[in-house]
Protein backbone atom coordinates (compact mmCIF):
# COMPACT_ATOMS: atom_id res chain seq x y z
CA MET A 1 -19.60 -5.31 17.51
CA SER A 2 -16.76 -2.84 16.95
CA ALA A 3 -16.71 -0.29 14.16
CA VAL A 4 -14.47 -0.81 11.17
CA THR A 5 -11.63 1.70 11.30
CA GLN A 6 -9.79 3.36 8.45
CA GLU A 7 -6.78 1.22 9.34
CA ASP A 8 -8.94 -1.92 9.03
CA LYS A 9 -9.97 -0.81 5.54
CA LEU A 10 -6.34 -0.17 4.57
CA LEU A 11 -5.35 -3.58 5.88
CA ARG A 12 -8.14 -5.21 3.89
CA MET A 13 -6.93 -3.51 0.69
CA ALA A 14 -3.28 -4.41 1.40
CA ASN A 15 -4.22 -8.04 2.09
CA GLN A 16 -6.14 -8.14 -1.22
CA ILE A 17 -3.02 -6.93 -3.02
CA ALA A 18 -1.00 -9.64 -1.24
CA THR A 19 -3.54 -12.27 -2.30
CA PHE A 20 -3.05 -11.26 -5.92
CA PHE A 21 0.73 -11.70 -5.64
CA ARG A 22 0.52 -14.94 -3.59
CA SER A 23 1.36 -17.16 -6.59
CA TYR A 24 4.64 -15.33 -7.26
CA PRO A 25 7.95 -16.37 -5.67
CA GLU A 26 8.08 -14.74 -2.22
CA ASP A 27 10.64 -12.02 -2.97
CA GLU A 28 8.80 -11.05 -6.15
CA ALA A 29 5.50 -11.06 -4.26
CA VAL A 30 6.86 -8.73 -1.57
CA ALA A 31 8.28 -6.44 -4.25
CA GLY A 32 4.96 -6.51 -6.12
CA VAL A 33 2.98 -5.54 -3.02
CA GLN A 34 5.47 -2.80 -2.21
CA LYS A 35 5.48 -1.40 -5.74
CA HIS A 36 1.68 -1.40 -5.95
CA ILE A 37 1.34 0.40 -2.63
CA THR A 38 4.08 2.89 -3.56
CA ALA A 39 2.48 3.60 -6.92
CA PHE A 40 -1.17 3.90 -5.95
CA TRP A 41 -1.44 4.79 -2.27
CA THR A 42 -0.91 8.24 -0.82
CA PRO A 43 1.87 8.68 1.73
CA ARG A 44 -0.77 9.23 4.41
CA MET A 45 -2.40 5.86 3.67
CA VAL A 46 0.98 4.11 3.90
CA ASP A 47 1.83 5.92 7.13
CA ARG A 48 -1.51 5.00 8.72
CA LEU A 49 -1.15 1.33 7.83
CA SER A 50 2.50 1.28 8.88
CA ALA A 51 1.66 2.78 12.28
CA ALA A 52 -1.20 0.32 12.85
CA LEU A 53 0.59 -2.77 11.55
CA PRO A 54 2.27 -3.83 14.82
CA ASP A 55 -1.12 -4.10 16.54
CA MET A 56 -2.68 -6.07 13.68
CA GLY A 57 -0.59 -9.18 14.21
CA GLU A 58 -1.55 -12.17 12.09
CA ARG A 59 -4.46 -10.28 10.51
CA ALA A 60 -1.84 -8.67 8.27
CA ASP A 61 -0.59 -10.95 5.53
CA ILE A 62 3.14 -11.71 5.86
CA LEU A 63 3.68 -10.22 2.39
CA VAL A 64 2.12 -6.96 3.57
CA ARG A 65 4.22 -6.91 6.74
CA ARG A 66 7.40 -7.48 4.75
CA ALA A 67 6.46 -4.95 2.05
CA ILE A 68 5.65 -2.20 4.54
CA ARG A 69 8.79 -2.84 6.62
CA GLY A 70 11.07 -3.16 3.60
CA PRO A 71 13.13 -0.40 2.05
CA GLU A 72 11.26 1.91 -0.28
CA THR A 73 11.94 1.45 -3.92
CA ALA A 74 13.80 4.18 -5.74
CA GLU A 75 11.06 4.26 -8.35
CA GLU A 76 8.20 6.58 -7.62
CA GLY A 77 4.71 5.76 -8.77
CA PRO A 78 2.77 7.97 -11.19
CA VAL A 79 0.25 9.08 -8.58
CA ARG A 80 2.73 10.54 -6.08
CA PRO A 81 3.78 13.63 -8.10
CA ALA A 82 0.14 14.48 -8.80
CA THR A 83 -0.80 14.22 -5.12
CA ARG A 84 1.90 16.75 -4.26
CA ASP A 85 1.27 19.13 -7.16
CA PRO A 86 -2.33 19.76 -8.27
CA GLN A 87 -1.01 21.24 -11.53
CA LYS A 88 0.04 17.72 -12.53
CA LEU A 89 -3.48 16.34 -12.25
CA GLY A 90 -4.08 14.15 -15.24
CA GLU A 91 -0.38 13.34 -15.73
CA GLY A 92 -0.67 9.78 -14.48
CA ALA A 93 -2.92 10.73 -11.62
CA SER A 94 -6.11 8.95 -10.76
CA ASP A 95 -9.29 10.80 -11.55
CA ALA A 96 -11.23 8.57 -9.15
CA GLY A 97 -11.73 11.25 -6.56
């Protein structure tokens, strides 16, 4: 049995997000997945999933594949500024870690 990689964990989380948005019209679902990932994932997490996505094939939900490939939204999530500037910790940043 193979070990679960960090990319596998990211894919699992992304697919769970896609499952939540599954009942929305497709364009709204893709936008919802993309906005959630943009708002709450670090750039490194997005980059790791994006790099691994081509090898994941059908394991990756189509909404995830479209959201990751699509253009980034102009809106930046509240977590991004705090991950770049520790002085902003608490200003919309997660205190989970």
